[in-house]
Amino acid sequence: MNNNYENLPAVLNANQLATALGISRAGAYQLLNTESFPTLRIGKRLLVPRDKLVEWIEQNTGGGHVGG
């Protein structure tokens, strides 16, 4: 796997998630509010652990390469 996941923070907020996935901030919030997405809720904050994000990407792309 030749992705730079290790360069991501251990826990990502919506802005970091949007940047990492190349989507809008609104798109990141939509993902964070999806039941099947590995969201960590701390108070009102919506976060995603890096390792869970990588697992989610691999599961939802069949383990394929995330383009970019």
N, C-alpha and C. Protein backbone atom coordinates (compact mmCIF):
# COMPACT_ATOMS: atom_id res chain seq x y z
N MET A 1 0.85 -1.17 0.00
CA MET A 1 0.00 0.00 0.00
C MET A 1 0.90 1.24 0.00
N ASN A 2 0.69 2.10 -0.94
CA ASN A 2 1.58 3.24 -1.12
C ASN A 2 0.90 4.56 -0.76
N ASN A 3 -0.02 4.52 0.21
CA ASN A 3 -0.72 5.73 0.63
C ASN A 3 0.01 6.36 1.80
N ASN A 4 -0.19 7.65 2.02
CA ASN A 4 0.48 8.36 3.09
C ASN A 4 -0.41 8.51 4.31
N TYR A 5 -1.07 7.43 4.70
CA TYR A 5 -1.95 7.48 5.86
C TYR A 5 -1.18 7.81 7.13
N GLU A 6 0.07 7.39 7.22
CA GLU A 6 0.86 7.64 8.43
C GLU A 6 1.11 9.14 8.64
N ASN A 7 0.95 9.94 7.60
CA ASN A 7 1.14 11.39 7.72
C ASN A 7 -0.09 12.10 8.29
N LEU A 8 -1.20 11.37 8.39
CA LEU A 8 -2.41 11.96 8.95
C LEU A 8 -2.32 11.99 10.47
N PRO A 9 -3.04 12.93 11.10
CA PRO A 9 -3.08 12.92 12.57
C PRO A 9 -3.76 11.66 13.08
N ALA A 10 -3.52 11.28 14.33
CA ALA A 10 -4.10 10.07 14.91
C ALA A 10 -5.63 10.14 14.95
N VAL A 11 -6.17 11.34 15.13
CA VAL A 11 -7.61 11.57 15.13
C VAL A 11 -7.88 12.80 14.27
N LEU A 12 -8.80 12.68 13.33
CA LEU A 12 -9.08 13.76 12.39
C LEU A 12 -10.40 14.43 12.70
N ASN A 13 -10.43 15.76 12.56
CA ASN A 13 -11.69 16.49 12.65
C ASN A 13 -12.27 16.62 11.24
N ALA A 14 -13.39 17.30 11.11
CA ALA A 14 -14.05 17.40 9.81
C ALA A 14 -13.18 18.07 8.76
N ASN A 15 -12.48 19.14 9.14
CA ASN A 15 -11.63 19.84 8.17
C ASN A 15 -10.49 18.94 7.69
N GLN A 16 -9.87 18.22 8.61
CA GLN A 16 -8.77 17.32 8.25
C GLN A 16 -9.27 16.15 7.41
N LEU A 17 -10.45 15.64 7.74
CA LEU A 17 -11.05 14.56 6.97
C LEU A 17 -11.33 15.02 5.54
N ALA A 18 -11.90 16.22 5.41
CA ALA A 18 -12.19 16.77 4.08
C ALA A 18 -10.92 16.88 3.25
N THR A 19 -9.86 17.40 3.85
CA THR A 19 -8.59 17.55 3.15
C THR A 19 -8.02 16.19 2.76
N ALA A 20 -8.05 15.24 3.69
CA ALA A 20 -7.48 13.92 3.44
C ALA A 20 -8.21 13.19 2.31
N LEU A 21 -9.53 13.37 2.23
CA LEU A 21 -10.31 12.67 1.21
C LEU A 21 -10.54 13.50 -0.05
N GLY A 22 -10.14 14.77 -0.01
CA GLY A 22 -10.34 15.63 -1.17
C GLY A 22 -11.81 15.94 -1.41
N ILE A 23 -12.55 16.12 -0.31
CA ILE A 23 -13.97 16.44 -0.42
C ILE A 23 -14.23 17.76 0.31
N SER A 24 -15.45 18.25 0.19
CA SER A 24 -15.81 19.49 0.87
C SER A 24 -16.00 19.24 2.37
N ARG A 25 -15.99 20.32 3.13
CA ARG A 25 -16.24 20.21 4.57
C ARG A 25 -17.65 19.68 4.81
N ALA A 26 -18.60 20.12 4.00
CA ALA A 26 -19.97 19.63 4.13
C ALA A 26 -20.03 18.13 3.85
N GLY A 27 -19.26 17.68 2.87
CA GLY A 27 -19.19 16.25 2.57
C GLY A 27 -18.59 15.46 3.72
N ALA A 28 -17.60 16.05 4.38
CA ALA A 28 -16.98 15.40 5.54
C ALA A 28 -18.00 15.26 6.66
N TYR A 29 -18.77 16.32 6.92
CA TYR A 29 -19.80 16.23 7.96
C TYR A 29 -20.87 15.22 7.59
N GLN A 30 -21.19 15.13 6.31
CA GLN A 30 -22.17 14.13 5.88
C GLN A 30 -21.66 12.73 6.19
N LEU A 31 -20.38 12.48 5.90
CA LEU A 31 -19.78 11.18 6.23
C LEU A 31 -19.79 10.94 7.74
N LEU A 32 -19.38 11.95 8.50
CA LEU A 32 -19.31 11.81 9.96
C LEU A 32 -20.67 11.53 10.58
N ASN A 33 -21.73 11.89 9.89
CA ASN A 33 -23.08 11.64 10.38
C ASN A 33 -23.73 10.41 9.75
N THR A 34 -22.94 9.63 9.01
CA THR A 34 -23.43 8.40 8.41
C THR A 34 -23.24 7.27 9.42
N GLU A 35 -24.26 6.47 9.62
CA GLU A 35 -24.24 5.43 10.64
C GLU A 35 -23.09 4.44 10.46
N SER A 36 -22.76 4.11 9.23
CA SER A 36 -21.72 3.11 8.98
C SER A 36 -20.30 3.67 9.01
N PHE A 37 -20.17 4.98 9.17
CA PHE A 37 -18.84 5.61 9.20
C PHE A 37 -18.33 5.61 10.64
N PRO A 38 -17.03 5.31 10.86
CA PRO A 38 -16.48 5.16 12.21
C PRO A 38 -16.24 6.49 12.94
N THR A 39 -17.32 7.12 13.33
CA THR A 39 -17.24 8.43 13.98
C THR A 39 -17.09 8.29 15.48
N LEU A 40 -16.19 9.06 16.02
CA LEU A 40 -15.98 9.16 17.46
C LEU A 40 -16.62 10.47 17.90
N ARG A 41 -17.58 10.39 18.78
CA ARG A 41 -18.28 11.59 19.26
C ARG A 41 -17.80 11.92 20.66
N ILE A 42 -17.26 13.12 20.80
CA ILE A 42 -16.81 13.62 22.10
C ILE A 42 -17.54 14.93 22.31
N GLY A 43 -18.54 14.90 23.18
CA GLY A 43 -19.40 16.06 23.32
C GLY A 43 -20.10 16.32 22.00
N LYS A 44 -19.93 17.51 21.48
CA LYS A 44 -20.51 17.85 20.18
C LYS A 44 -19.53 17.66 19.04
N ARG A 45 -18.30 17.31 19.38
CA ARG A 45 -17.26 17.14 18.34
C ARG A 45 -17.42 15.80 17.64
N LEU A 46 -17.25 15.81 16.33
CA LEU A 46 -17.27 14.61 15.52
C LEU A 46 -15.86 14.39 14.99
N LEU A 47 -15.29 13.25 15.33
CA LEU A 47 -13.91 12.93 14.97
C LEU A 47 -13.86 11.54 14.37
N VAL A 48 -12.75 11.23 13.69
CA VAL A 48 -12.55 9.88 13.18
C VAL A 48 -11.10 9.48 13.45
N PRO A 49 -10.91 8.33 14.12
CA PRO A 49 -9.55 7.83 14.33
C PRO A 49 -8.93 7.42 12.99
N ARG A 50 -7.67 7.75 12.79
CA ARG A 50 -6.98 7.45 11.53
C ARG A 50 -7.06 5.98 11.18
N ASP A 51 -6.80 5.08 12.13
CA ASP A 51 -6.81 3.66 11.82
C ASP A 51 -8.19 3.18 11.37
N LYS A 52 -9.25 3.73 11.96
CA LYS A 52 -10.62 3.37 11.55
C LYS A 52 -10.94 3.94 10.18
N LEU A 53 -10.41 5.13 9.88
CA LEU A 53 -10.61 5.73 8.56
C LEU A 53 -9.96 4.86 7.49
N VAL A 54 -8.74 4.42 7.74
CA VAL A 54 -8.03 3.56 6.78
C VAL A 54 -8.80 2.27 6.57
N GLU A 55 -9.29 1.65 7.64
CA GLU A 55 -10.09 0.43 7.52
C GLU A 55 -11.34 0.69 6.70
N TRP A 56 -12.02 1.81 6.97
CA TRP A 56 -13.24 2.15 6.25
C TRP A 56 -12.97 2.33 4.77
N ILE A 57 -11.88 3.03 4.44
CA ILE A 57 -11.52 3.23 3.03
C ILE A 57 -11.28 1.89 2.36
N GLU A 58 -10.50 1.02 3.01
CA GLU A 58 -10.20 -0.28 2.41
C GLU A 58 -11.46 -1.13 2.23
N GLN A 59 -12.35 -1.11 3.20
CA GLN A 59 -13.58 -1.88 3.10
C GLN A 59 -14.50 -1.36 2.01
N ASN A 60 -14.51 -0.05 1.82
CA ASN A 60 -15.43 0.56 0.87
C ASN A 60 -14.86 0.73 -0.53
N THR A 61 -13.60 0.37 -0.70
CA THR A 61 -13.01 0.41 -2.03
C THR A 61 -12.51 -0.96 -2.44
N GLY A 62 -12.86 -1.97 -1.68
CA GLY A 62 -12.41 -3.31 -1.98
C GLY A 62 -10.91 -3.46 -1.78
N GLY A 63 -10.33 -2.60 -0.94
CA GLY A 63 -8.89 -2.66 -0.69
C GLY A 63 -8.09 -2.00 -1.79
N GLY A 64 -8.79 -1.34 -2.71
CA GLY A 64 -8.10 -0.72 -3.84
C GLY A 64 -7.42 0.57 -3.47
N HIS A 65 -6.70 1.13 -4.41
CA HIS A 65 -5.95 2.37 -4.23
C HIS A 65 -6.90 3.56 -4.24
N VAL A 66 -6.72 4.46 -3.32
CA VAL A 66 -7.49 5.71 -3.30
C VAL A 66 -6.74 6.69 -4.19
N GLY A 67 -7.37 7.07 -5.27
CA GLY A 67 -6.70 7.92 -6.26
C GLY A 67 -6.39 9.30 -5.77
N GLY A 68 -5.44 9.92 -6.48
CA GLY A 68 -5.14 11.30 -6.11
C GLY A 68 -3.76 11.69 -6.44
